[in-house]
Every structure is written in structure tokens, then in C-alpha cells.
Amino acid sequence: SAGLVAGIAFTVIWFVTGGLVASQTL
């Protein structure tokens, strides 16, 4: 596994990305 720290970091990154795309683009 890439590790829990990497998992939390990418979760935050993609949470923000998904929220911005859903709210501003869609």
C-alpha cells in the first residue's frame, strides 16, 4: 500500500477537486 498518509492527502485533494467540478462546472 502507498500508506495512510498518502491516502489522506489524495483524499483531500480529490475531495476538493470533485467539489469544485460539481459546484462550478456542473
PDB file of all heavy atoms in Angstrom:
ATOM      1  N   SER A   1       0.843  -1.190   0.000  1.00  0.00           N
ATOM      2  CA  SER A   1       0.000   0.000   0.000  1.00  0.00           C
ATOM      3  C   SER A   1       0.877   1.238   0.000  1.00  0.00           C
ATOM      4  O   SER A   1       2.032   1.217   0.463  1.00  0.00           O
ATOM      5  CB  SER A   1      -0.921   0.007   1.227  1.00  0.00           C
ATOM      6  OG  SER A   1      -1.620   1.239   1.339  1.00  0.00           O
ATOM      7  N   ALA A   2       0.319   2.328  -0.534  1.00  0.00           N
ATOM      8  CA  ALA A   2       1.049   3.595  -0.528  1.00  0.00           C
ATOM      9  C   ALA A   2       1.089   4.225   0.847  1.00  0.00           C
ATOM     10  O   ALA A   2       1.872   5.159   1.071  1.00  0.00           O
ATOM     11  CB  ALA A   2       0.425   4.572  -1.530  1.00  0.00           C
ATOM     12  N   GLY A   3       0.255   3.769   1.764  1.00  0.00           N
ATOM     13  CA  GLY A   3       0.299   4.274   3.131  1.00  0.00           C
ATOM     14  C   GLY A   3      -0.883   5.177   3.450  1.00  0.00           C
ATOM     15  O   GLY A   3      -1.547   5.742   2.574  1.00  0.00           O
ATOM     16  N   LEU A   4      -1.153   5.282   4.765  1.00  0.00           N
ATOM     17  CA  LEU A   4      -2.296   6.068   5.222  1.00  0.00           C
ATOM     18  C   LEU A   4      -2.099   7.562   4.978  1.00  0.00           C
ATOM     19  O   LEU A   4      -3.049   8.274   4.647  1.00  0.00           O
ATOM     20  CB  LEU A   4      -2.520   5.800   6.708  1.00  0.00           C
ATOM     21  CG  LEU A   4      -3.738   6.477   7.353  1.00  0.00           C
ATOM     22  CD1 LEU A   4      -5.022   6.022   6.674  1.00  0.00           C
ATOM     23  CD2 LEU A   4      -3.781   6.203   8.843  1.00  0.00           C
ATOM     24  N   VAL A   5      -0.870   8.038   5.143  1.00  0.00           N
ATOM     25  CA  VAL A   5      -0.620   9.475   4.946  1.00  0.00           C
ATOM     26  C   VAL A   5      -0.906   9.871   3.500  1.00  0.00           C
ATOM     27  O   VAL A   5      -1.590  10.886   3.233  1.00  0.00           O
ATOM     28  CB  VAL A   5       0.833   9.820   5.326  1.00  0.00           C
ATOM     29  CG1 VAL A   5       1.136  11.277   5.007  1.00  0.00           C
ATOM     30  CG2 VAL A   5       1.082   9.538   6.799  1.00  0.00           C
ATOM     31  N   ALA A   6      -0.399   9.081   2.545  1.00  0.00           N
ATOM     32  CA  ALA A   6      -0.690   9.361   1.136  1.00  0.00           C
ATOM     33  C   ALA A   6      -2.178   9.245   0.862  1.00  0.00           C
ATOM     34  O   ALA A   6      -2.744  10.032   0.083  1.00  0.00           O
ATOM     35  CB  ALA A   6       0.092   8.406   0.240  1.00  0.00           C
ATOM     36  N   GLY A   7      -2.844   8.270   1.504  1.00  0.00           N
ATOM     37  CA  GLY A   7      -4.280   8.116   1.297  1.00  0.00           C
ATOM     38  C   GLY A   7      -5.061   9.328   1.765  1.00  0.00           C
ATOM     39  O   GLY A   7      -5.972   9.809   1.076  1.00  0.00           O
ATOM     40  N   ILE A   8      -4.711   9.860   2.934  1.00  0.00           N
ATOM     41  CA  ILE A   8      -5.406  11.048   3.441  1.00  0.00           C
ATOM     42  C   ILE A   8      -5.138  12.247   2.534  1.00  0.00           C
ATOM     43  O   ILE A   8      -6.048  13.037   2.228  1.00  0.00           O
ATOM     44  CB  ILE A   8      -4.962  11.332   4.884  1.00  0.00           C
ATOM     45  CG1 ILE A   8      -5.424  10.204   5.814  1.00  0.00           C
ATOM     46  CG2 ILE A   8      -5.507  12.674   5.363  1.00  0.00           C
ATOM     47  CD1 ILE A   8      -4.922  10.339   7.228  1.00  0.00           C
ATOM     48  N   ALA A   9      -3.870  12.402   2.100  1.00  0.00           N
ATOM     49  CA  ALA A   9      -3.533  13.540   1.245  1.00  0.00           C
ATOM     50  C   ALA A   9      -4.312  13.499  -0.067  1.00  0.00           C
ATOM     51  O   ALA A   9      -4.917  14.508  -0.479  1.00  0.00           O
ATOM     52  CB  ALA A   9      -2.030  13.550   0.964  1.00  0.00           C
ATOM     53  N   PHE A  10      -4.340  12.349  -0.741  1.00  0.00           N
ATOM     54  CA  PHE A  10      -5.065  12.259  -2.012  1.00  0.00           C
ATOM     55  C   PHE A  10      -6.580  12.336  -1.800  1.00  0.00           C
ATOM     56  O   PHE A  10      -7.300  12.809  -2.687  1.00  0.00           O
ATOM     57  CB  PHE A  10      -4.692  10.969  -2.733  1.00  0.00           C
ATOM     58  CG  PHE A  10      -3.370  11.028  -3.420  1.00  0.00           C
ATOM     59  CD1 PHE A  10      -2.369  10.104  -3.132  1.00  0.00           C
ATOM     60  CD2 PHE A  10      -3.097  12.011  -4.351  1.00  0.00           C
ATOM     61  CE1 PHE A  10      -1.138  10.156  -3.758  1.00  0.00           C
ATOM     62  CE2 PHE A  10      -1.871  12.080  -4.987  1.00  0.00           C
ATOM     63  CZ  PHE A  10      -0.893  11.156  -4.692  1.00  0.00           C
ATOM     64  N   THR A  11      -7.061  11.903  -0.643  1.00  0.00           N
ATOM     65  CA  THR A  11      -8.495  12.051  -0.357  1.00  0.00           C
ATOM     66  C   THR A  11      -8.874  13.519  -0.292  1.00  0.00           C
ATOM     67  O   THR A  11      -9.890  13.942  -0.873  1.00  0.00           O
ATOM     68  CB  THR A  11      -8.833  11.358   0.970  1.00  0.00           C
ATOM     69  OG1 THR A  11      -8.538   9.964   0.866  1.00  0.00           O
ATOM     70  CG2 THR A  11     -10.311  11.532   1.310  1.00  0.00           C
ATOM     71  N   VAL A  12      -8.063  14.319   0.400  1.00  0.00           N
ATOM     72  CA  VAL A  12      -8.345  15.753   0.491  1.00  0.00           C
ATOM     73  C   VAL A  12      -8.255  16.407  -0.882  1.00  0.00           C
ATOM     74  O   VAL A  12      -9.110  17.229  -1.259  1.00  0.00           O
ATOM     75  CB  VAL A  12      -7.374  16.414   1.487  1.00  0.00           C
ATOM     76  CG1 VAL A  12      -7.546  17.929   1.482  1.00  0.00           C
ATOM     77  CG2 VAL A  12      -7.582  15.874   2.892  1.00  0.00           C
ATOM     78  N   ILE A  13      -7.231  16.037  -1.647  1.00  0.00           N
ATOM     79  CA  ILE A  13      -7.055  16.637  -2.978  1.00  0.00           C
ATOM     80  C   ILE A  13      -8.260  16.342  -3.863  1.00  0.00           C
ATOM     81  O   ILE A  13      -8.837  17.251  -4.498  1.00  0.00           O
ATOM     82  CB  ILE A  13      -5.762  16.099  -3.620  1.00  0.00           C
ATOM     83  CG1 ILE A  13      -4.532  16.604  -2.863  1.00  0.00           C
ATOM     84  CG2 ILE A  13      -5.683  16.513  -5.091  1.00  0.00           C
ATOM     85  CD1 ILE A  13      -3.240  15.967  -3.298  1.00  0.00           C
ATOM     86  N   TRP A  14      -8.669  15.086  -3.915  1.00  0.00           N
ATOM     87  CA  TRP A  14      -9.771  14.733  -4.804  1.00  0.00           C
ATOM     88  C   TRP A  14     -11.124  15.137  -4.245  1.00  0.00           C
ATOM     89  O   TRP A  14     -12.065  15.360  -5.006  1.00  0.00           O
ATOM     90  CB  TRP A  14      -9.735  13.235  -5.104  1.00  0.00           C
ATOM     91  CG  TRP A  14      -8.735  12.916  -6.164  1.00  0.00           C
ATOM     92  CD1 TRP A  14      -7.496  12.412  -6.012  1.00  0.00           C
ATOM     93  CD2 TRP A  14      -8.910  13.147  -7.573  1.00  0.00           C
ATOM     94  NE1 TRP A  14      -6.859  12.289  -7.223  1.00  0.00           N
ATOM     95  CE2 TRP A  14      -7.708  12.726  -8.199  1.00  0.00           C
ATOM     96  CE3 TRP A  14      -9.942  13.639  -8.352  1.00  0.00           C
ATOM     97  CZ2 TRP A  14      -7.528  12.803  -9.579  1.00  0.00           C
ATOM     98  CZ3 TRP A  14      -9.764  13.725  -9.725  1.00  0.00           C
ATOM     99  CH2 TRP A  14      -8.579  13.306 -10.324  1.00  0.00           C
ATOM    100  N   PHE A  15     -11.252  15.260  -2.942  1.00  0.00           N
ATOM    101  CA  PHE A  15     -12.485  15.808  -2.368  1.00  0.00           C
ATOM    102  C   PHE A  15     -12.686  17.249  -2.833  1.00  0.00           C
ATOM    103  O   PHE A  15     -13.782  17.636  -3.270  1.00  0.00           O
ATOM    104  CB  PHE A  15     -12.421  15.744  -0.844  1.00  0.00           C
ATOM    105  CG  PHE A  15     -13.590  16.369  -0.146  1.00  0.00           C
ATOM    106  CD1 PHE A  15     -14.737  15.625   0.111  1.00  0.00           C
ATOM    107  CD2 PHE A  15     -13.566  17.698   0.256  1.00  0.00           C
ATOM    108  CE1 PHE A  15     -15.827  16.199   0.746  1.00  0.00           C
ATOM    109  CE2 PHE A  15     -14.650  18.281   0.890  1.00  0.00           C
ATOM    110  CZ  PHE A  15     -15.786  17.527   1.148  1.00  0.00           C
ATOM    111  N   VAL A  16     -11.623  18.057  -2.731  1.00  0.00           N
ATOM    112  CA  VAL A  16     -11.716  19.453  -3.180  1.00  0.00           C
ATOM    113  C   VAL A  16     -11.956  19.517  -4.684  1.00  0.00           C
ATOM    114  O   VAL A  16     -12.796  20.309  -5.167  1.00  0.00           O
ATOM    115  CB  VAL A  16     -10.433  20.211  -2.792  1.00  0.00           C
ATOM    116  CG1 VAL A  16     -10.440  21.619  -3.369  1.00  0.00           C
ATOM    117  CG2 VAL A  16     -10.279  20.258  -1.282  1.00  0.00           C
ATOM    118  N   THR A  17     -11.243  18.684  -5.450  1.00  0.00           N
ATOM    119  CA  THR A  17     -11.406  18.693  -6.905  1.00  0.00           C
ATOM    120  C   THR A  17     -12.820  18.304  -7.309  1.00  0.00           C
ATOM    121  O   THR A  17     -13.451  18.971  -8.142  1.00  0.00           O
ATOM    122  CB  THR A  17     -10.396  17.733  -7.550  1.00  0.00           C
ATOM    123  OG1 THR A  17      -9.067  18.117  -7.173  1.00  0.00           O
ATOM    124  CG2 THR A  17     -10.515  17.757  -9.061  1.00  0.00           C
ATOM    125  N   GLY A  18     -13.335  17.227  -6.708  1.00  0.00           N
ATOM    126  CA  GLY A  18     -14.701  16.802  -7.037  1.00  0.00           C
ATOM    127  C   GLY A  18     -15.731  17.836  -6.655  1.00  0.00           C
ATOM    128  O   GLY A  18     -16.685  18.091  -7.405  1.00  0.00           O
ATOM    129  N   GLY A  19     -15.550  18.478  -5.501  1.00  0.00           N
ATOM    130  CA  GLY A  19     -16.498  19.506  -5.087  1.00  0.00           C
ATOM    131  C   GLY A  19     -16.492  20.708  -6.002  1.00  0.00           C
ATOM    132  O   GLY A  19     -17.546  21.249  -6.349  1.00  0.00           O
ATOM    133  N   LEU A  20     -15.293  21.142  -6.429  1.00  0.00           N
ATOM    134  CA  LEU A  20     -15.212  22.302  -7.323  1.00  0.00           C
ATOM    135  C   LEU A  20     -15.824  21.996  -8.691  1.00  0.00           C
ATOM    136  O   LEU A  20     -16.564  22.828  -9.255  1.00  0.00           O
ATOM    137  CB  LEU A  20     -13.758  22.741  -7.485  1.00  0.00           C
ATOM    138  CG  LEU A  20     -13.109  23.392  -6.256  1.00  0.00           C
ATOM    139  CD1 LEU A  20     -11.630  23.662  -6.510  1.00  0.00           C
ATOM    140  CD2 LEU A  20     -13.822  24.688  -5.901  1.00  0.00           C
ATOM    141  N   VAL A  21     -15.531  20.829  -9.225  1.00  0.00           N
ATOM    142  CA  VAL A  21     -16.098  20.470 -10.527  1.00  0.00           C
ATOM    143  C   VAL A  21     -17.606  20.359 -10.439  1.00  0.00           C
ATOM    144  O   VAL A  21     -18.345  20.847 -11.316  1.00  0.00           O
ATOM    145  CB  VAL A  21     -15.473  19.150 -11.029  1.00  0.00           C
ATOM    146  CG1 VAL A  21     -16.195  18.664 -12.274  1.00  0.00           C
ATOM    147  CG2 VAL A  21     -13.990  19.344 -11.313  1.00  0.00           C
ATOM    148  N   ALA A  22     -18.111  19.737  -9.382  1.00  0.00           N
ATOM    149  CA  ALA A  22     -19.559  19.547  -9.250  1.00  0.00           C
ATOM    150  C   ALA A  22     -20.291  20.864  -9.047  1.00  0.00           C
ATOM    151  O   ALA A  22     -21.375  21.078  -9.600  1.00  0.00           O
ATOM    152  CB  ALA A  22     -19.852  18.596  -8.092  1.00  0.00           C
ATOM    153  N   SER A  23     -19.708  21.768  -8.273  1.00  0.00           N
ATOM    154  CA  SER A  23     -20.402  23.022  -7.969  1.00  0.00           C
ATOM    155  C   SER A  23     -20.213  24.075  -9.048  1.00  0.00           C
ATOM    156  O   SER A  23     -21.167  24.763  -9.428  1.00  0.00           O
ATOM    157  CB  SER A  23     -19.924  23.571  -6.619  1.00  0.00           C
ATOM    158  OG  SER A  23     -18.538  23.833  -6.666  1.00  0.00           O
ATOM    159  N   GLN A  24     -19.002  24.212  -9.579  1.00  0.00           N
ATOM    160  CA  GLN A  24     -18.727  25.290 -10.516  1.00  0.00           C
ATOM    161  C   GLN A  24     -18.950  24.903 -11.973  1.00  0.00           C
ATOM    162  O   GLN A  24     -19.367  25.746 -12.775  1.00  0.00           O
ATOM    163  CB  GLN A  24     -17.272  25.754 -10.336  1.00  0.00           C
ATOM    164  CG  GLN A  24     -16.953  26.231  -8.940  1.00  0.00           C
ATOM    165  CD  GLN A  24     -17.832  27.391  -8.502  1.00  0.00           C
ATOM    166  OE1 GLN A  24     -18.068  28.330  -9.255  1.00  0.00           O
ATOM    167  NE2 GLN A  24     -18.341  27.317  -7.281  1.00  0.00           N
ATOM    168  N   THR A  25     -18.668  23.650 -12.326  1.00  0.00           N
ATOM    169  CA  THR A  25     -18.835  23.222 -13.715  1.00  0.00           C
ATOM    170  C   THR A  25     -20.205  22.606 -13.956  1.00  0.00           C
ATOM    171  O   THR A  25     -20.906  22.957 -14.918  1.00  0.00           O
ATOM    172  CB  THR A  25     -17.740  22.210 -14.091  1.00  0.00           C
ATOM    173  OG1 THR A  25     -16.458  22.801 -13.854  1.00  0.00           O
ATOM    174  CG2 THR A  25     -17.854  21.828 -15.556  1.00  0.00           C
ATOM    175  N   LEU A  26     -20.619  21.683 -13.078  1.00  0.00           N
ATOM    176  CA  LEU A  26     -21.920  21.018 -13.251  1.00  0.00           C
ATOM    177  C   LEU A  26     -23.064  21.809 -12.647  1.00  0.00           C
ATOM    178  O   LEU A  26     -24.228  21.502 -12.932  1.00  0.00           O
ATOM    179  CB  LEU A  26     -21.862  19.614 -12.620  1.00  0.00           C
ATOM    180  CG  LEU A  26     -20.765  18.680 -13.177  1.00  0.00           C
ATOM    181  CD1 LEU A  26     -20.816  17.338 -12.471  1.00  0.00           C
ATOM    182  CD2 LEU A  26     -20.924  18.522 -14.680  1.00  0.00           C
TER     183      LEU A  26
END
